[in-house]
Protein backbone atom coordinates (compact mmCIF):
# COMPACT_ATOMS: atom_id res chain seq x y z
CA MET A 1 61.60 80.31 82.12
CA ALA A 2 59.44 81.56 79.17
CA SER A 3 60.44 84.71 79.31
CA LEU A 4 63.82 83.81 79.15
CA VAL A 5 63.39 82.46 75.29
CA LEU A 6 61.45 84.18 74.57
CA THR A 7 63.89 87.38 75.36
CA ILE A 8 66.72 85.04 73.01
CA ARG A 9 64.48 84.82 70.29
CA GLU A 10 63.12 87.88 69.86
CA THR A 11 66.37 89.54 70.62
CA LEU A 12 67.64 87.87 67.48
CA ARG A 13 64.47 88.85 65.44
CA TYR A 14 64.47 92.61 66.24
CA ARG A 15 64.86 95.33 63.89
CA GLY A 16 64.10 97.72 65.26
CA ALA A 17 66.71 100.13 67.65
CA ILE A 18 69.40 100.49 69.16
CA GLY A 19 68.18 100.29 72.81
CA GLN A 20 67.03 96.72 72.50
CA TRP A 21 70.90 95.93 71.74
CA SER A 22 72.47 98.34 74.29
CA TRP A 23 70.35 96.50 77.37
CA VAL A 24 71.36 92.91 76.05
CA LEU A 25 74.56 93.76 75.73
CA HIS A 26 74.76 95.19 79.47
CA ARG A 27 73.11 92.62 80.79
CA VAL A 28 75.63 89.88 78.64
CA THR A 29 78.66 91.90 79.53
CA GLY A 30 77.69 92.02 83.23
CA LEU A 31 77.02 88.60 83.47
CA GLY A 32 80.72 87.26 82.14
CA VAL A 33 81.95 90.30 84.39
CA VAL A 34 80.48 88.72 87.38
CA PHE A 35 81.64 84.83 86.36
CA PHE A 36 85.21 85.80 85.94
CA LEU A 37 84.57 88.33 89.35
CA VAL A 38 84.64 85.05 91.27
CA LEU A 39 87.24 83.20 89.36
CA HIS A 40 89.40 86.13 89.99
CA VAL A 41 89.05 86.66 93.97
CA ILE A 42 89.14 83.08 94.60
CA ASP A 43 91.96 82.75 92.95
CA THR A 44 93.90 85.72 94.10
CA SER A 45 92.64 84.93 97.97
CA TRP A 46 95.45 81.10 97.10
CA ALA A 47 97.91 83.99 97.34
CA VAL A 48 97.78 83.95 100.96
CA PHE A 49 96.08 80.69 101.73
CA TRP A 50 97.82 78.20 99.27
CA PRO A 51 100.65 80.04 97.40
CA GLY A 52 101.05 76.66 95.67
CA LEU A 53 97.05 76.71 93.51
CA TYR A 54 97.50 80.06 92.75
CA GLU A 55 100.72 79.26 90.60
CA LYS A 56 98.96 77.40 88.72
CA ALA A 57 96.16 78.92 89.01
CA ILE A 58 98.21 81.99 87.19
CA ALA A 59 99.70 79.28 84.70
CA ALA A 60 96.08 78.63 83.34
CA TYR A 61 95.64 82.86 83.09
CA GLN A 62 98.76 82.18 81.23
CA SER A 63 97.21 80.01 78.53
CA PRO A 64 95.68 80.80 74.96
CA LEU A 65 92.06 80.28 75.95
CA PHE A 66 92.10 83.10 78.67
CA THR A 67 94.36 85.48 76.80
CA ILE A 68 91.59 85.46 74.58
CA GLY A 69 88.33 85.45 77.22
CA GLU A 70 90.79 88.81 78.33
CA PHE A 71 90.03 90.78 75.42
CA PHE A 72 86.56 90.10 75.76
CA LEU A 73 86.44 90.58 79.49
CA VAL A 74 88.35 93.94 79.03
CA ALA A 75 85.35 94.81 76.41
CA CYS A 76 82.79 93.64 78.56
CA VAL A 77 84.20 95.94 81.36
CA VAL A 78 84.59 99.35 79.11
CA TYR A 79 81.54 99.01 77.15
CA HIS A 80 79.32 97.64 80.95
CA ALA A 81 80.83 100.75 82.17
CA PHE A 82 80.11 103.40 79.62
CA ASN A 83 76.53 101.97 79.05
CA GLY A 84 76.35 101.82 82.96
CA LEU A 85 76.88 105.52 83.10
CA ARG A 86 74.46 106.89 80.56
CA ILE A 87 71.90 104.44 82.80
CA SER A 88 72.72 106.47 85.65
CA ILE A 89 72.54 110.04 83.94
CA MET A 90 69.33 109.49 82.03
CA ASP A 91 67.72 108.03 84.98
CA ASN A 92 68.13 111.61 86.72
CA LYS A 93 67.95 113.65 83.96
CA PRO A 94 64.30 113.16 82.03
CA GLU A 95 64.52 115.72 80.11
CA LEU A 96 67.29 114.22 78.20
CA TRP A 97 65.34 110.56 77.47
CA LYS A 98 64.86 111.81 73.64
CA HIS A 99 68.86 111.51 73.28
CA GLN A 100 68.73 108.42 74.40
CA GLU A 101 69.67 106.73 70.68
CA ARG A 102 72.09 109.74 70.04
CA ALA A 103 73.80 108.14 74.09
CA ALA A 104 73.43 104.96 72.94
CA TYR A 105 76.06 105.23 69.90
CA GLY A 106 77.78 107.50 71.93
CA VAL A 107 78.69 104.67 74.59
CA PHE A 108 79.80 102.06 71.23
CA ALA A 109 81.82 104.71 70.41
CA ALA A 110 83.10 105.62 73.48
CA THR A 111 84.05 101.99 74.21
CA ALA A 112 85.97 101.44 70.52
CA ILE A 113 88.25 104.71 71.50
CA VAL A 114 88.98 103.37 74.97
CA LEU A 115 89.23 99.63 73.14
CA VAL A 116 91.72 100.60 70.38
CA PRO A 117 95.04 101.84 72.93
CA LEU A 118 94.25 99.29 75.56
CA PHE A 119 93.86 96.26 73.08
CA ILE A 120 97.04 97.61 71.59
CA GLY A 121 99.19 97.65 74.82
CA MET A 122 97.32 93.68 76.13
CA ILE A 123 98.51 92.99 72.56
CA SER A 124 101.74 93.88 72.68
CA HIS A 125 102.31 91.64 76.62
CA VAL A 126 100.82 89.11 73.92
CA ILE A 127 103.23 89.14 71.22
CA ASN A 128 106.10 89.89 73.61
CA HIS A 129 104.65 86.39 75.76
CA TYR A 130 104.50 84.45 72.53
CA THR A 131 107.43 85.00 71.07
CA HIS A 132 109.61 83.95 74.25
CA ASP A 133 109.32 80.11 74.03
CA PRO A 134 106.79 80.38 77.23
CA PHE A 135 105.12 77.84 79.21
CA ILE A 136 101.94 76.41 78.26
CA LEU A 137 99.61 74.81 80.59
CA PRO A 138 97.42 72.03 78.08
CA LEU A 139 94.42 72.75 77.61
CA THR A 140 92.56 69.82 78.96
CA GLU A 141 94.31 70.86 82.57
CA VAL A 142 93.23 74.50 82.07
CA ILE A 143 89.76 73.38 81.46
CA VAL A 144 90.07 70.58 84.44
CA GLU A 145 91.73 73.62 86.18
CA GLN A 146 87.56 75.75 86.38
CA LEU A 147 85.92 72.35 87.25
CA PRO A 148 86.32 73.37 91.49
CA PHE A 149 84.17 76.68 90.22
CA ALA A 150 81.75 75.27 88.36
CA ALA A 151 80.96 72.47 91.67
CA GLY A 152 81.03 74.54 93.89
CA ILE A 153 78.49 77.34 91.73
CA GLY A 154 76.47 74.31 91.51
CA VAL A 155 76.74 73.85 95.22
CA ALA A 156 75.80 77.43 95.66
CA VAL A 157 72.39 76.75 93.76
CA VAL A 158 71.19 73.59 94.63
CA LEU A 159 71.68 75.59 98.56
CA ALA A 160 69.39 78.15 97.24
CA VAL A 161 66.65 76.78 95.77
CA ILE A 162 67.11 74.52 99.21
CA ALA A 163 66.43 77.47 101.01
CA ALA A 164 63.87 78.46 99.31
CA GLY A 165 61.54 75.50 99.44
CA ALA A 166 62.31 75.98 103.01
CA TYR A 167 60.98 79.08 103.31
CA GLN A 168 57.80 78.40 101.33
CA MET A 169 57.18 75.33 103.41
CA ILE A 170 57.84 77.36 106.89
CA ALA A 171 55.98 80.60 105.31
CA GLY A 172 53.53 79.05 103.67
CA ALA A 173 54.99 81.48 100.74
CA PRO A 174 53.17 81.63 97.44
CA THR A 175 54.28 79.00 94.97
CA VAL A 176 52.98 80.42 91.84
CA LYS A 177 52.48 84.26 90.51
CA GLY A 178 49.52 86.43 91.44
CA SER A 179 49.07 84.40 95.10
CA ALA A 180 50.66 87.82 96.64
CA LYS A 181 50.81 91.31 96.26
CA ALA A 182 53.96 92.91 94.70
CA GLN A 183 54.53 95.97 95.95
CA GLY A 184 57.52 98.02 96.05
CA SER A 185 59.73 98.49 98.59
CA ALA A 186 61.80 100.70 100.69
CA LEU A 187 64.54 98.49 100.14
CA GLU A 188 64.33 98.02 96.34
CA ARG A 189 64.68 101.67 96.35
CA PHE A 190 67.85 101.89 98.45
CA TRP A 191 69.20 98.98 96.03
CA TRP A 192 68.26 100.98 92.91
CA ASN A 193 69.97 104.22 93.95
CA PHE A 194 72.74 101.57 95.24
CA MET A 195 73.49 100.44 91.71
CA ARG A 196 73.91 103.88 90.60
CA VAL A 197 76.29 105.64 93.04
CA SER A 198 78.39 102.44 93.04
CA GLY A 199 78.44 102.47 89.30
CA LEU A 200 80.08 106.28 89.47
CA LEU A 201 82.63 104.55 92.08
CA ILE A 202 83.23 101.74 90.89
CA VAL A 203 84.62 103.68 86.96
CA PRO A 204 87.62 105.35 88.38
CA LEU A 205 88.72 102.02 90.27
CA VAL A 206 88.32 99.56 87.66
CA PHE A 207 89.56 101.75 84.55
CA GLY A 208 93.27 102.20 86.76
CA HIS A 209 93.26 98.60 87.28
CA LEU A 210 92.74 97.45 84.27
CA ALA A 211 95.31 99.87 83.14
CA MET A 212 97.87 99.13 85.99
CA MET A 213 97.13 94.93 85.42
CA HIS A 214 96.16 94.97 81.27
CA VAL A 215 98.17 97.82 79.86
CA LEU A 216 101.78 98.48 81.85
CA GLN A 217 101.58 95.32 83.04
CA GLY A 218 99.77 91.81 82.30
CA VAL A 219 99.48 88.53 83.64
CA PHE A 220 102.57 87.54 82.08
CA ASP A 221 104.45 89.87 83.41
CA LEU A 222 102.54 88.26 86.87
CA THR A 223 105.74 85.59 86.14
CA LEU A 224 108.16 87.73 84.96
CA ALA A 225 111.57 86.46 87.62
CA GLY A 226 112.96 90.23 88.07
CA GLY A 227 110.38 92.11 86.54
CA ALA A 228 109.59 95.50 88.05
CA VAL A 229 105.91 95.47 89.89
CA THR A 230 103.29 97.87 88.39
CA GLY A 231 102.63 100.65 91.48
CA VAL A 232 105.74 99.33 93.88
CA PRO A 233 109.04 101.35 93.38
CA ILE A 234 111.91 99.95 93.29
CA THR A 235 114.77 100.05 96.29
CA GLY A 236 116.87 97.42 95.72
CA SER A 237 118.60 94.97 92.69
CA VAL A 238 117.53 91.74 91.48
CA LEU A 239 118.14 89.19 93.98
CA THR A 240 119.93 85.57 91.55
CA GLY A 241 121.61 82.88 92.50
CA GLN A 242 122.03 81.30 95.57
CA ALA A 243 121.10 85.09 97.32
CA LEU A 244 117.80 84.45 96.24
CA GLN A 245 117.54 81.30 97.54
CA ASP A 246 118.63 82.30 101.36
CA ALA A 247 115.68 85.44 100.90
CA LEU A 248 112.82 82.57 99.64
CA VAL A 249 112.80 81.15 102.91
CA ASN A 250 112.47 84.86 104.58
CA TRP A 251 109.81 86.93 102.68
CA PRO A 252 110.69 90.19 104.15
CA ALA A 253 114.21 90.20 102.37
CA LEU A 254 112.84 89.92 98.97
CA GLN A 255 110.76 93.10 99.62
CA ASN A 256 112.44 95.68 96.66
CA GLY A 257 109.95 96.18 94.46
CA LEU A 258 111.01 93.39 92.03
CA ASN A 259 109.67 89.95 91.56
CA ASP A 260 112.94 88.47 91.90
CA SER A 261 111.60 84.50 91.96
CA GLY A 262 109.19 84.98 89.05
CA THR A 263 106.33 83.77 91.27
CA ALA A 264 102.70 85.10 91.24
CA THR A 265 102.80 85.13 94.92
CA GLU A 266 105.48 87.64 95.37
CA PHE A 267 104.16 89.87 92.55
CA VAL A 268 101.04 90.33 94.72
CA ALA A 269 103.12 89.85 98.22
CA GLU A 270 105.24 93.30 96.70
CA ARG A 271 102.11 95.10 95.48
CA TRP A 272 99.44 94.27 98.71
CA ASN A 273 102.91 94.98 101.37
CA PHE A 274 104.06 98.12 100.11
CA LEU A 275 103.56 100.96 102.42
CA MET A 276 102.89 104.63 101.49
CA GLY A 277 102.99 106.76 104.78
CA GLY A 278 102.81 103.82 106.57
CA VAL A 279 99.37 103.19 104.90
CA ALA A 280 99.07 99.69 102.13
CA VAL A 281 97.48 101.52 100.04
CA TRP A 282 97.05 98.67 97.03
CA LYS A 283 95.55 96.86 99.77
CA LEU A 284 93.14 99.33 100.62
CA TYR A 285 92.63 100.10 96.41
CA ASP A 286 91.57 96.76 96.29
CA ILE A 287 89.41 96.31 99.22
CA ALA A 288 87.28 99.36 97.92
CA LEU A 289 87.17 97.10 94.53
CA LEU A 290 86.29 94.36 95.79
CA ALA A 291 83.67 95.80 98.32
CA LEU A 292 81.97 97.35 95.52
CA VAL A 293 82.31 95.33 92.42
CA THR A 294 81.05 92.33 94.44
CA ILE A 295 78.14 94.15 96.16
CA HIS A 296 77.40 96.17 92.24
CA GLY A 297 77.74 92.87 90.68
CA PHE A 298 75.60 90.40 92.07
CA ASN A 299 72.94 92.41 92.88
CA GLY A 300 72.39 93.15 88.99
CA LEU A 301 72.89 88.79 88.69
CA ARG A 302 69.73 89.33 90.88
CA TYR A 303 67.86 91.47 88.60
CA VAL A 304 68.52 89.12 85.91
CA LEU A 305 67.71 86.37 87.49
CA THR A 306 64.98 87.56 89.28
CA ASP A 307 63.40 88.63 85.72
CA TYR A 308 63.30 85.75 84.18
CA THR A 309 61.68 83.89 87.20
CA GLN A 310 58.55 85.90 87.62
CA GLU A 311 56.20 83.41 87.17
CA TYR A 312 58.03 80.75 89.93
CA PRO A 313 58.30 82.79 93.44
CA VAL A 314 60.17 79.76 95.04
CA LEU A 315 62.34 79.71 92.06
CA ARG A 316 62.77 83.51 92.25
CA ARG A 317 63.27 83.89 95.75
CA ALA A 318 66.02 81.17 95.46
CA ALA A 319 67.94 83.40 92.47
CA GLY A 320 68.03 85.83 95.35
CA TYR A 321 69.39 83.87 97.82
CA LEU A 322 71.77 82.59 95.26
CA CYS A 323 72.66 85.93 95.34
CA VAL A 324 73.52 86.56 98.57
CA ILE A 325 75.34 83.08 98.67
CA GLY A 326 77.35 84.21 96.55
CA ALA A 327 78.34 88.40 97.71
CA VAL A 328 79.19 86.44 100.82
CA VAL A 329 81.38 83.75 99.97
CA LEU A 330 83.55 86.58 97.82
CA LEU A 331 83.15 89.09 100.61
CA ILE A 332 84.47 86.65 103.02
CA VAL A 333 87.23 85.52 101.15
CA GLY A 334 88.57 88.19 99.28
CA GLY A 335 88.69 90.13 102.49
CA ALA A 336 90.62 87.27 104.68
CA ALA A 337 93.26 87.15 101.70
CA LEU A 338 93.86 91.07 102.11
CA ILE A 339 93.44 91.60 105.55
CA GLY A 340 96.10 88.53 106.23
CA THR A 341 99.98 88.88 105.31
CA ILE A 342 101.40 85.91 103.11
CA GLN A 343 103.50 84.10 104.98
CA PRO A 344 107.49 84.41 104.87
CA ASN A 345 107.64 80.53 104.00
CA ALA A 346 104.85 81.14 100.68
CA ILE A 347 107.14 82.47 98.29
CA GLN A 348 109.11 79.71 98.22
CA ILE A 349 106.28 77.18 98.34
CA ALA A 350 104.67 79.07 94.53
CA ASP A 351 108.69 78.85 93.45
CA GLU A 352 109.03 75.02 94.58
CA ALA A 353 105.08 74.48 93.05
CA LEU A 354 105.71 76.68 89.26
CA ARG A 355 109.11 74.55 88.80
CA ALA A 356 107.42 71.21 89.82
CA LEU A 357 104.52 71.94 87.04
CA LYS A 358 106.91 73.56 84.30
CA ALA A 359 108.60 70.05 85.10
CA ALA A 360 105.90 67.46 84.43
CA HIS A 361 105.09 69.95 81.43
CA GLY A 362 108.69 69.27 79.95
CA SER A 363 109.00 73.02 80.62
CA GLY A 364 112.77 75.03 81.89
């Protein structure tokens, strides 16, 4: 752990080249993306398994705290993507190493160029939302909503440490640095290559997701009654009044490319159930994004954690187990949601939950 303290102290004191800051920012932005990934995948799965909880989760995302966080998240994603491309190119082109400094500045420039229109689009959604008497979940409740995630992460950490300790006792593994012969492996070479290949595949997918879900539409549009759903053609008129109430209990009757009920659950259902040539294109898109980002992200987290546990083999192994646990849980939960089906009564459950949530806080 001393190496982590050393890294933080020396980074703050550093007066040298831009390379140090590029390295630090790549790690910090990567950690930020992985943290949000955990929240986002599990929350979105609730649209299938617990529609009422999903509505509350989206209400939390629409709070000022998460609104600010969304801008930081997008900045993290864009910088990490561009810097990852720089790393991949430089790793495969040693003759370009002499241009490392200019390339690093180029990453900052490219990030700024992309973020300006992204932020303009996002700010327009924020202004439109907050100028129309929005429903805002209290900050205390927003924070309380995140406690189960913190508890889940804590449980995963404990399980990882216990598993690493058990392995050490059974296998007689070393407990301090230098007790075992360090050597490379074919597996590590595979992961080195995977990080670069997957990074190239992720960039167009994640940029497309940012454009659709943060610029063309934002988190506030997920609960816009009668609103369009990005990427889904409108095939009917908005249902209101009794017609909407009658259709709520029969999901297929609501499939018209519009979010009639104004629930986040219906937004997800419209998107995931849209077929193009008999293929659920957005489900396949999200499956690819889930698989690549989860494995890429948690392997990157493994690199970071093991860097700071080099002197403690048990903790280093625990860090690896923790990342495996995190990746497996997200792939299972997210995959099950994507493969599953939003039930006919899910929209009605979500609608009732959203109404109850607003009534509990004195909102229409």
